[in-house]
Amino acid sequence: MPEPSPLLHVDGDHLADAQGTPVRLTGFGLGGWMNMENFITGFPATEQQHREALRREMGDEAYAAFFDAFLADFFSEDDARYIASLGVNCVRIAVNYRHFEDDARPTELKDEGFRLLDRAIDACAAHGVYTVIDLHAVPGAQNKRWHSDNPTHLALLWRYREFQDRVVHLWEAFADRYKDNPWVAGYNPLNEPSDDTGEALEPFYARLRDAIRAIDPHHVIFLDGNRHGTAFGMFAEPWENTVYTLHDYALAGFPDSGSYPGYSRGEWVDAGTLEKKFLERSEYMRRTGTPIWVGEFGPVYTGDPARDEHRYRVLSDQLDLYDRHGGGWSLWTYKDIGLQGVRYADPGSAYLRLIDPVLRKKARLGVDVWGSTDEGLRDILEPLQRRVAQEFPDFDPAPWGQKPWVQTLVRHILFAEPLVDEFARLFRGVGPDEARALAGAFAFDRTVERTRLAETLRAHAAAPAREGARA
């Protein structure tokens, strides 16, 4: 195991170790593990709905066998070793609060969640890889999307003090447990917050900062901007030892995008467009002279070599951009069933063969808002969107407006929820041994490398942290 690294800290416009050596964090987001997402492992709707349905169909014993194996196999020391071999140095670990407390017993902490997180942190540390703890799903939900394990279209965290109190309590526990761990690069208190008013986020961040700092004065805090990590207007002077993190998904990387350079969703996108959007999103960091860290970005691959060639061009242009500006990055996501990960489950695995009927139906109906298109539901969506616009011309729901709002309600909720039970029924009669074998599809030695992606990341991983790189 490498010698313990001193705690990282913010030093002007970059991170540094205790000796003042600049450190540029590059690596992956670890989605789909301690916070599951539908497009990553194949289920419809949200993690909690998925888990409840599987338990009903499989029974307690087989359900426990499946998830014990899944959590053991999805991320192991083999994965940490592989990540280090790519030359990157950081894993942003997405976690769901449900691993650490239950809604029926709020604030009663569950040690098994911390032990699981410890295992990942220690595995990464053994190979010289830092980790950032990313609270991806919180009580009440900090945004309106599936990735915060939110079955509704409301972000209730911002309305209820009880939910906020539970988030603070959980971060106090994280700070206490990891305050002396030098391989934890820092804490990312909320993934992609979406505060409609724009008035609640900064005061809540201040409360989280004070609670964390009372226990752990030294670890870096990574704060996502509002509107899913894209808006930073609520911040005034930067806080000490704090990184403001942007998310930088490109239109040309979405499943329904066209050629690149070319038109995506009616907008022309080329390298200049990517840079313009990045400069808008990073304006606060560049103006205040604080580090740039892209907490999430990454295209969706289609399996069509010609179309995917355009995705790799998008990725390369974004990485070139981050290199020029000395920005760190965390690609979303490390492992999945084939849409974005550098490792993905073998298409011939028993797990993917089992769930294939629902995967096909999900694609046909476009129920995964990320990773699929609305083509199969346009006969419903387009007249509905026109009618909403006609009847409610001034209606502009946050954060993205009418059309995405309708898409969320129809695709993610109306059509996704009935599929939850349909997916779970595929596991009816699966016993504990078969359950463990199915979950094993995500073990490192049974997954496939997306080699072109691995090579691209390896080429950019060693770009140094640079002072004075801002334009």
Protein backbone atom coordinates (compact mmCIF):
# COMPACT_ATOMS: atom_id res chain seq x y z
CA MET A 1 0.00 0.00 0.00
CA PRO A 2 1.35 3.48 -0.83
CA GLU A 3 2.45 5.77 1.96
CA PRO A 4 -0.55 7.67 3.41
CA SER A 5 -1.15 10.88 1.50
CA PRO A 6 -1.49 14.15 3.41
CA LEU A 7 -4.92 15.72 3.32
CA LEU A 8 -5.59 17.64 0.16
CA HIS A 9 -6.51 21.29 0.43
CA VAL A 10 -7.42 24.21 -1.80
CA ASP A 11 -4.39 26.34 -2.73
CA GLY A 12 -5.61 29.19 -4.89
CA ASP A 13 -6.96 27.85 -8.18
CA HIS A 14 -5.90 24.24 -7.60
CA LEU A 15 -5.78 21.46 -5.05
CA ALA A 16 -2.49 20.63 -3.36
CA ASP A 17 -1.03 18.20 -0.85
CA ALA A 18 0.63 19.24 2.41
CA GLN A 19 3.92 19.90 0.61
CA GLY A 20 2.19 22.30 -1.78
CA THR A 21 2.42 19.97 -4.79
CA PRO A 22 -0.52 20.60 -7.14
CA VAL A 23 -2.96 17.69 -7.41
CA ARG A 24 -5.45 17.42 -10.26
CA LEU A 25 -8.25 14.97 -9.48
CA THR A 26 -9.26 12.90 -12.51
CA GLY A 27 -11.31 9.73 -12.56
CA PHE A 28 -14.82 8.34 -12.39
CA GLY A 29 -18.14 8.67 -10.68
CA LEU A 30 -19.14 5.35 -9.15
CA GLY A 31 -22.85 5.32 -9.92
CA GLY A 32 -25.15 2.32 -9.76
CA TRP A 33 -23.56 0.79 -6.65
CA MET A 34 -24.45 2.47 -3.34
CA ASN A 35 -26.92 4.57 -5.30
CA MET A 36 -28.60 2.59 -8.07
CA GLU A 37 -29.91 4.14 -11.27
CA ASN A 38 -32.25 2.59 -13.80
CA PHE A 39 -30.13 3.01 -16.92
CA ILE A 40 -26.99 1.76 -15.15
CA THR A 41 -28.25 -1.68 -14.12
CA GLY A 42 -31.46 -2.02 -16.13
CA PHE A 43 -34.46 -1.70 -13.82
CA PRO A 44 -37.28 0.83 -14.43
CA ALA A 45 -38.12 3.88 -12.28
CA THR A 46 -36.29 4.37 -8.95
CA GLU A 47 -34.06 2.26 -6.74
CA GLN A 48 -36.48 2.02 -3.84
CA GLN A 49 -39.36 0.96 -6.09
CA HIS A 50 -37.07 -1.59 -7.71
CA ARG A 51 -35.92 -3.03 -4.38
CA GLU A 52 -39.43 -3.27 -2.93
CA ALA A 53 -40.72 -5.10 -6.02
CA LEU A 54 -37.79 -7.52 -6.09
CA ARG A 55 -38.28 -8.38 -2.43
CA ARG A 56 -41.96 -9.17 -3.07
CA GLU A 57 -41.13 -11.47 -5.97
CA MET A 58 -37.95 -13.14 -4.70
CA GLY A 59 -38.63 -13.39 -0.98
CA ASP A 60 -36.27 -12.21 1.74
CA GLU A 61 -33.59 -14.88 1.40
CA ALA A 62 -33.05 -14.65 -2.36
CA TYR A 63 -33.38 -10.86 -2.26
CA ALA A 64 -30.65 -10.63 0.39
CA ALA A 65 -28.46 -13.05 -1.56
CA PHE A 66 -28.80 -10.95 -4.72
CA PHE A 67 -27.97 -7.63 -3.13
CA ASP A 68 -25.21 -8.97 -0.88
CA ALA A 69 -23.53 -10.36 -4.00
CA PHE A 70 -24.26 -7.25 -6.05
CA LEU A 71 -22.72 -4.93 -3.48
CA ALA A 72 -19.70 -7.20 -3.13
CA ASP A 73 -19.16 -7.68 -6.87
CA PHE A 74 -20.01 -4.31 -8.42
CA PHE A 75 -16.98 -2.60 -6.86
CA SER A 76 -14.03 -4.54 -5.46
CA GLU A 77 -10.28 -4.17 -5.17
CA ASP A 78 -10.02 -5.51 -8.73
CA ASP A 79 -11.97 -2.47 -9.89
CA ALA A 80 -9.81 -0.10 -7.86
CA ARG A 81 -6.67 -1.71 -9.30
CA TYR A 82 -8.02 -1.32 -12.84
CA ILE A 83 -8.97 2.32 -12.27
CA ALA A 84 -5.46 3.07 -11.04
CA SER A 85 -4.03 1.33 -14.13
CA LEU A 86 -5.73 3.97 -16.30
CA GLY A 87 -3.61 6.64 -14.63
CA VAL A 88 -6.50 8.43 -12.93
CA ASN A 89 -6.46 9.19 -9.23
CA CYS A 90 -10.01 9.69 -7.96
CA VAL A 91 -13.36 7.93 -7.58
CA ARG A 92 -16.44 9.97 -6.68
CA ILE A 93 -18.57 7.47 -4.76
CA ALA A 94 -22.31 8.09 -5.13
CA VAL A 95 -24.23 7.00 -2.02
CA ASN A 96 -27.91 6.81 -1.12
CA TYR A 97 -28.94 7.81 2.40
CA ARG A 98 -30.93 4.58 2.70
CA HIS A 99 -27.70 2.66 3.25
CA PHE A 100 -27.15 4.68 6.42
CA GLU A 101 -30.63 5.16 7.91
CA ASP A 102 -34.23 4.04 7.36
CA ASP A 103 -37.19 6.34 6.87
CA ALA A 104 -39.00 4.43 9.61
CA ARG A 105 -36.11 5.12 12.02
CA PRO A 106 -34.63 8.44 10.95
CA THR A 107 -31.21 9.37 12.38
CA GLU A 108 -30.60 5.80 13.65
CA LEU A 109 -27.40 5.11 11.76
CA LYS A 110 -26.76 1.71 10.18
CA ASP A 111 -23.18 0.57 10.51
CA GLU A 112 -23.39 -1.76 7.50
CA GLY A 113 -23.58 1.23 5.16
CA PHE A 114 -20.43 2.73 6.61
CA ARG A 115 -18.62 -0.62 6.42
CA LEU A 116 -19.51 -0.87 2.74
CA LEU A 117 -18.25 2.65 2.08
CA ASP A 118 -15.09 1.94 4.11
CA ARG A 119 -14.36 -1.04 1.89
CA ALA A 120 -14.46 1.04 -1.28
CA ILE A 121 -12.39 3.86 0.22
CA ASP A 122 -9.78 1.39 1.48
CA ALA A 123 -9.67 -0.48 -1.85
CA CYS A 124 -9.02 2.77 -3.70
CA ALA A 125 -6.44 3.91 -1.15
CA ALA A 126 -4.55 0.62 -1.53
CA HIS A 127 -3.94 1.63 -5.15
CA GLY A 128 -3.19 5.30 -4.59
CA VAL A 129 -6.65 6.53 -5.61
CA TYR A 130 -8.48 9.28 -3.73
CA THR A 131 -12.21 9.19 -3.09
CA VAL A 132 -14.88 11.89 -2.83
CA ILE A 133 -18.02 10.99 -0.87
CA ASP A 134 -21.00 12.10 -2.96
CA LEU A 135 -24.40 12.09 -1.25
CA HIS A 136 -26.46 11.36 -4.35
CA ALA A 137 -29.87 10.74 -2.75
CA VAL A 138 -31.15 12.39 0.44
CA PRO A 139 -34.38 12.25 2.47
CA GLY A 140 -37.05 14.19 0.58
CA ALA A 141 -34.86 14.40 -2.56
CA GLN A 142 -32.72 17.40 -3.50
CA ASN A 143 -33.90 17.31 -7.12
CA LYS A 144 -36.82 16.01 -9.14
CA ARG A 145 -35.12 13.19 -11.00
CA TRP A 146 -34.77 9.42 -10.68
CA HIS A 147 -31.09 9.64 -9.70
CA SER A 148 -32.01 11.06 -6.29
CA ASP A 149 -34.25 7.99 -5.77
CA ASN A 150 -37.21 10.33 -6.15
CA PRO A 151 -40.47 8.67 -7.29
CA THR A 152 -42.18 12.07 -7.70
CA HIS A 153 -41.47 15.26 -9.62
CA LEU A 154 -41.01 17.30 -6.45
CA ALA A 155 -37.80 18.09 -4.55
CA LEU A 156 -39.16 18.07 -1.01
CA LEU A 157 -35.83 18.53 0.78
CA TRP A 158 -36.19 22.28 0.34
CA ARG A 159 -39.65 22.38 1.94
CA TYR A 160 -39.18 20.39 5.14
CA ARG A 161 -36.77 21.10 7.97
CA GLU A 162 -37.00 17.48 9.12
CA PHE A 163 -35.42 16.25 5.88
CA GLN A 164 -32.70 18.90 6.13
CA ASP A 165 -31.96 17.93 9.74
CA ARG A 166 -31.42 14.32 8.67
CA VAL A 167 -28.98 15.36 5.95
CA VAL A 168 -27.00 17.43 8.46
CA HIS A 169 -26.96 14.52 10.90
CA LEU A 170 -25.67 12.17 8.24
CA TRP A 171 -22.89 14.54 7.21
CA GLU A 172 -21.86 14.92 10.84
CA ALA A 173 -21.47 11.14 10.91
CA PHE A 174 -19.44 11.11 7.68
CA ALA A 175 -17.19 13.91 8.97
CA ASP A 176 -16.60 12.12 12.26
CA ARG A 177 -15.77 8.81 10.59
CA TYR A 178 -13.45 10.13 7.86
CA LYS A 179 -11.91 13.26 9.39
CA ASP A 180 -8.51 11.59 9.72
CA ASN A 181 -8.58 9.63 6.46
CA PRO A 182 -6.06 11.19 4.04
CA TRP A 183 -7.34 9.23 1.04
CA VAL A 184 -10.77 10.86 1.27
CA ALA A 185 -10.19 13.91 -0.90
CA GLY A 186 -13.32 15.55 0.40
CA TYR A 187 -17.07 15.68 0.84
CA ASN A 188 -19.69 16.40 -1.86
CA PRO A 189 -22.75 17.16 0.34
CA LEU A 190 -25.45 17.16 -2.40
CA ASN A 191 -25.41 15.84 -5.93
CA GLU A 192 -27.13 18.09 -8.47
CA PRO A 193 -29.37 20.16 -6.19
CA SER A 194 -32.42 21.74 -7.79
CA ASP A 195 -33.78 24.50 -5.57
CA ASP A 196 -36.62 26.11 -7.54
CA THR A 197 -36.49 29.43 -5.72
CA GLY A 198 -32.71 29.70 -5.65
CA GLU A 199 -33.04 31.00 -2.09
CA ALA A 200 -32.69 27.86 0.02
CA LEU A 201 -29.55 26.25 -1.35
CA GLU A 202 -26.84 28.63 -0.14
CA PRO A 203 -28.19 28.89 3.45
CA PHE A 204 -28.46 25.10 3.61
CA TYR A 205 -24.95 24.72 2.27
CA ALA A 206 -23.78 27.15 4.97
CA ARG A 207 -25.49 25.02 7.59
CA LEU A 208 -23.85 21.86 6.22
CA ARG A 209 -20.46 23.58 6.09
CA ASP A 210 -20.72 24.69 9.72
CA ALA A 211 -21.81 21.23 10.87
CA ILE A 212 -18.97 19.53 8.98
CA ARG A 213 -16.35 22.06 10.03
CA ALA A 214 -17.28 21.72 13.70
CA ILE A 215 -16.09 18.10 13.45
CA ASP A 216 -13.65 18.10 10.55
CA PRO A 217 -11.93 21.45 9.90
CA HIS A 218 -9.62 20.17 7.18
CA HIS A 219 -11.23 18.11 4.41
CA VAL A 220 -12.18 19.86 1.17
CA ILE A 221 -15.89 20.46 0.63
CA PHE A 222 -17.13 20.09 -2.96
CA LEU A 223 -20.29 22.09 -3.65
CA ASP A 224 -22.42 21.44 -6.74
CA GLY A 225 -24.12 24.46 -8.23
CA ASN A 226 -27.90 24.81 -8.46
CA ARG A 227 -29.82 23.55 -11.50
CA HIS A 228 -27.97 20.24 -11.45
CA GLY A 229 -24.49 21.69 -11.05
CA THR A 230 -24.76 24.42 -13.68
CA ALA A 231 -25.73 27.64 -11.81
CA PHE A 232 -23.57 29.41 -9.22
CA GLY A 233 -25.22 32.82 -8.93
CA MET A 234 -26.23 32.24 -5.31
CA PHE A 235 -22.59 32.25 -4.16
CA ALA A 236 -20.79 35.44 -3.15
CA GLU A 237 -17.21 35.19 -1.88
CA PRO A 238 -15.84 31.64 -2.01
CA TRP A 239 -15.54 29.75 1.23
CA GLU A 240 -12.26 28.53 2.60
CA ASN A 241 -11.06 25.13 1.39
CA THR A 242 -14.07 24.72 -0.88
CA VAL A 243 -14.32 23.57 -4.49
CA TYR A 244 -17.36 24.63 -6.52
CA THR A 245 -18.15 21.77 -8.88
CA LEU A 246 -19.86 21.99 -12.24
CA HIS A 247 -21.55 19.26 -14.29
CA ASP A 248 -20.92 19.53 -18.00
CA TYR A 249 -23.07 17.19 -20.07
CA ALA A 250 -23.02 18.11 -23.76
CA LEU A 251 -26.06 18.07 -26.03
CA ALA A 252 -23.97 16.27 -28.63
CA GLY A 253 -23.47 13.38 -26.22
CA PHE A 254 -27.14 12.58 -25.65
CA PRO A 255 -28.80 9.49 -27.15
CA ASP A 256 -30.86 11.53 -29.59
CA SER A 257 -27.99 13.71 -30.77
CA GLY A 258 -26.82 13.68 -34.35
CA SER A 259 -23.39 14.01 -35.89
CA TYR A 260 -20.68 16.08 -34.26
CA PRO A 261 -20.08 18.77 -35.24
CA GLY A 262 -23.72 19.07 -36.17
CA TYR A 263 -27.22 19.72 -34.90
CA SER A 264 -28.44 18.24 -31.62
CA ARG A 265 -31.97 18.99 -30.43
CA GLY A 266 -32.14 21.80 -32.96
CA GLU A 267 -28.89 23.46 -31.83
CA TRP A 268 -25.58 23.52 -33.66
CA VAL A 269 -22.86 21.96 -31.51
CA ASP A 270 -19.14 22.00 -32.22
CA ALA A 271 -15.96 22.45 -30.19
CA GLY A 272 -16.67 26.16 -29.86
CA THR A 273 -20.14 25.43 -28.50
CA LEU A 274 -18.68 23.04 -25.93
CA GLU A 275 -16.19 25.67 -24.82
CA LYS A 276 -18.82 28.41 -24.61
CA LYS A 277 -21.02 26.25 -22.36
CA PHE A 278 -18.06 25.22 -20.21
CA LEU A 279 -16.96 28.83 -19.79
CA GLU A 280 -20.49 29.81 -18.75
CA ARG A 281 -20.65 27.02 -16.19
CA SER A 282 -17.16 27.66 -14.82
CA GLU A 283 -17.41 31.47 -14.75
CA TYR A 284 -17.68 31.62 -10.95
CA MET A 285 -14.57 29.48 -10.45
CA ARG A 286 -12.51 31.41 -12.97
CA ARG A 287 -13.61 34.79 -11.61
CA THR A 288 -12.88 33.85 -8.00
CA GLY A 289 -9.66 31.97 -8.74
CA THR A 290 -10.88 28.73 -7.22
CA PRO A 291 -10.29 25.20 -8.56
CA ILE A 292 -12.28 23.88 -11.49
CA TRP A 293 -13.61 20.37 -11.04
CA VAL A 294 -16.11 18.85 -13.47
CA GLY A 295 -17.97 16.51 -11.15
CA GLU A 296 -19.89 14.82 -13.98
CA PHE A 297 -19.78 14.69 -17.76
CA GLY A 298 -19.72 12.03 -20.44
CA PRO A 299 -21.54 10.94 -23.61
CA VAL A 300 -23.96 8.05 -24.01
CA TYR A 301 -22.81 5.34 -26.42
CA THR A 302 -25.27 3.67 -28.77
CA GLY A 303 -23.50 0.54 -30.03
CA ASP A 304 -23.50 1.99 -33.57
CA PRO A 305 -19.80 2.47 -34.45
CA ALA A 306 -20.47 5.45 -36.72
CA ARG A 307 -22.58 7.29 -34.17
CA ASP A 308 -20.24 6.39 -31.33
CA GLU A 309 -17.32 7.84 -33.25
CA HIS A 310 -19.04 11.20 -32.84
CA ARG A 311 -19.39 10.57 -29.10
CA TYR A 312 -15.65 9.92 -28.78
CA ARG A 313 -14.98 13.18 -30.59
CA VAL A 314 -17.20 15.01 -28.10
CA LEU A 315 -15.40 13.34 -25.21
CA SER A 316 -11.95 14.18 -26.58
CA ASP A 317 -12.90 17.80 -27.18
CA GLN A 318 -14.20 18.13 -23.63
CA LEU A 319 -11.09 16.55 -22.15
CA ASP A 320 -8.87 18.84 -24.26
CA LEU A 321 -10.87 21.77 -22.91
CA TYR A 322 -10.44 20.69 -19.29
CA ASP A 323 -6.71 20.18 -19.89
CA ARG A 324 -6.33 23.71 -21.25
CA HIS A 325 -8.06 25.19 -18.21
CA GLY A 326 -6.32 22.96 -15.66
CA GLY A 327 -9.66 21.48 -14.57
CA GLY A 328 -10.09 18.14 -12.87
CA TRP A 329 -12.85 15.79 -13.92
CA SER A 330 -14.94 12.80 -12.90
CA LEU A 331 -16.46 10.88 -15.80
CA TRP A 332 -19.96 9.49 -15.32
CA THR A 333 -20.01 6.54 -14.92
CA TYR A 334 -17.50 3.76 -14.21
CA LYS A 335 -19.58 0.59 -14.75
CA ASP A 336 -23.01 -0.20 -16.20
CA ILE A 337 -24.83 -2.39 -18.74
CA GLY A 338 -23.35 -0.65 -21.77
CA LEU A 339 -24.38 2.98 -22.10
CA GLN A 340 -21.56 4.98 -20.54
CA GLY A 341 -19.21 2.85 -18.47
CA VAL A 342 -15.61 2.01 -19.23
CA ARG A 343 -16.58 -1.44 -17.90
CA TYR A 344 -19.94 -3.02 -18.68
CA ALA A 345 -21.76 -6.28 -18.08
CA ASP A 346 -21.22 -8.90 -20.79
CA PRO A 347 -24.25 -8.81 -23.12
CA GLY A 348 -24.29 -12.62 -22.97
CA SER A 349 -24.48 -12.75 -19.16
CA ALA A 350 -27.36 -14.59 -17.51
CA TYR A 351 -28.45 -11.31 -15.90
CA LEU A 352 -28.79 -9.40 -19.16
CA ARG A 353 -30.44 -12.34 -20.89
CA LEU A 354 -33.00 -12.52 -18.06
CA ILE A 355 -33.92 -8.83 -18.12
CA ASP A 356 -33.77 -8.44 -21.92
CA PRO A 357 -37.59 -8.37 -22.42
CA VAL A 358 -37.97 -5.40 -20.12
CA LEU A 359 -34.88 -3.67 -21.51
CA ARG A 360 -36.47 -3.85 -24.94
CA LYS A 361 -39.78 -2.52 -23.65
CA LYS A 362 -38.03 0.26 -21.75
CA ALA A 363 -36.24 1.30 -24.94
CA ARG A 364 -39.45 1.16 -26.97
CA LEU A 365 -41.28 3.36 -24.47
CA GLY A 366 -38.29 5.55 -23.65
CA VAL A 367 -38.98 5.31 -19.93
CA ASP A 368 -35.37 5.90 -18.92
CA VAL A 369 -35.03 9.65 -19.21
CA TRP A 370 -31.26 9.15 -19.45
CA GLY A 371 -30.00 6.74 -22.07
CA SER A 372 -33.13 6.46 -24.21
CA THR A 373 -35.19 8.66 -26.52
CA ASP A 374 -38.84 9.70 -26.66
CA GLU A 375 -39.32 8.31 -30.18
CA GLY A 376 -41.72 5.57 -29.10
CA LEU A 377 -43.99 7.97 -27.22
CA ARG A 378 -44.01 11.00 -29.49
CA ASP A 379 -47.58 10.26 -30.56
CA ILE A 380 -48.53 10.95 -26.95
CA LEU A 381 -45.93 13.50 -25.94
CA GLU A 382 -46.13 15.95 -28.81
CA PRO A 383 -49.89 16.66 -28.64
CA LEU A 384 -49.70 16.77 -24.85
CA GLN A 385 -46.83 19.24 -24.93
CA ARG A 386 -48.69 21.38 -27.48
CA ARG A 387 -51.82 21.38 -25.33
CA VAL A 388 -49.90 22.34 -22.20
CA ALA A 389 -48.20 25.17 -24.09
CA GLN A 390 -51.56 26.31 -25.50
CA GLU A 391 -53.44 26.23 -22.21
CA PHE A 392 -50.61 27.42 -19.94
CA PRO A 393 -48.31 29.63 -22.02
CA ASP A 394 -46.76 31.25 -18.94
CA PHE A 395 -46.12 27.98 -17.12
CA ASP A 396 -42.35 27.54 -16.78
CA PRO A 397 -41.56 24.80 -14.26
CA ALA A 398 -38.03 24.69 -12.88
CA PRO A 399 -35.44 23.72 -13.73
CA TRP A 400 -35.82 23.08 -17.48
CA GLY A 401 -39.31 24.22 -18.51
CA GLN A 402 -42.48 22.66 -19.92
CA LYS A 403 -41.23 19.97 -22.29
CA PRO A 404 -38.88 18.20 -19.86
CA TRP A 405 -41.56 18.51 -17.17
CA VAL A 406 -44.07 16.65 -19.37
CA GLN A 407 -41.39 14.10 -20.31
CA THR A 408 -40.66 13.38 -16.65
CA LEU A 409 -44.31 12.89 -15.76
CA VAL A 410 -45.09 10.67 -18.74
CA ARG A 411 -41.91 8.70 -19.32
CA HIS A 412 -40.32 8.49 -15.89
CA ILE A 413 -43.52 8.09 -13.85
CA LEU A 414 -46.61 7.20 -15.89
CA PHE A 415 -44.96 4.56 -18.10
CA ALA A 416 -42.04 3.59 -15.87
CA GLU A 417 -43.95 2.67 -12.73
CA PRO A 418 -46.04 -0.14 -14.28
CA LEU A 419 -42.80 -1.64 -15.59
CA VAL A 420 -41.37 -1.99 -12.07
CA ASP A 421 -43.49 -5.04 -11.29
CA GLU A 422 -43.00 -6.40 -14.80
CA PHE A 423 -39.25 -6.28 -14.29
CA ALA A 424 -39.48 -7.88 -10.84
CA ARG A 425 -41.60 -10.76 -12.15
CA LEU A 426 -38.64 -11.85 -14.25
CA PHE A 427 -36.98 -12.84 -10.95
CA ARG A 428 -39.93 -14.89 -9.68
CA GLY A 429 -38.70 -18.30 -8.56
CA VAL A 430 -35.04 -17.28 -8.48
CA GLY A 431 -33.39 -18.90 -5.47
CA PRO A 432 -30.41 -17.65 -3.44
CA ASP A 433 -27.73 -19.44 -5.49
CA GLU A 434 -29.11 -18.24 -8.81
CA ALA A 435 -29.55 -14.76 -7.37
CA ARG A 436 -25.88 -14.59 -6.44
CA ALA A 437 -24.90 -15.82 -9.90
CA LEU A 438 -27.08 -13.19 -11.59
CA ALA A 439 -25.56 -10.39 -9.53
CA GLY A 440 -22.12 -11.71 -10.46
CA ALA A 441 -22.57 -10.26 -13.95
CA PHE A 442 -21.10 -7.05 -12.51
CA ALA A 443 -17.95 -8.62 -11.07
CA PHE A 444 -14.84 -7.11 -12.62
CA ASP A 445 -13.60 -10.29 -14.30
CA ARG A 446 -16.99 -10.84 -15.93
CA THR A 447 -17.33 -7.36 -17.38
CA VAL A 448 -16.11 -6.02 -20.71
CA GLU A 449 -13.78 -3.07 -21.26
CA ARG A 450 -14.81 -0.22 -23.53
CA THR A 451 -11.26 -0.05 -24.82
CA ARG A 452 -11.52 3.11 -26.91
CA LEU A 453 -12.84 4.96 -23.88
CA ALA A 454 -10.13 3.52 -21.64
CA GLU A 455 -7.41 4.61 -24.06
CA THR A 456 -8.86 8.12 -24.34
CA LEU A 457 -8.99 8.56 -20.58
CA ARG A 458 -5.50 7.18 -20.10
CA ALA A 459 -4.16 9.73 -22.58
CA HIS A 460 -5.65 12.62 -20.59
CA ALA A 461 -5.25 11.37 -17.03
CA ALA A 462 -1.68 12.56 -16.59
CA ALA A 463 -2.27 16.18 -17.64
CA PRO A 464 -0.82 18.22 -14.76
CA ALA A 465 -2.60 20.58 -12.43
CA ARG A 466 -1.45 23.98 -13.61
CA GLU A 467 -1.47 27.40 -12.07
CA GLY A 468 -2.41 30.35 -14.23
CA ALA A 469 -4.14 28.18 -16.83
CA ARG A 470 -7.35 30.20 -16.86
CA ALA A 471 -8.51 32.15 -19.88
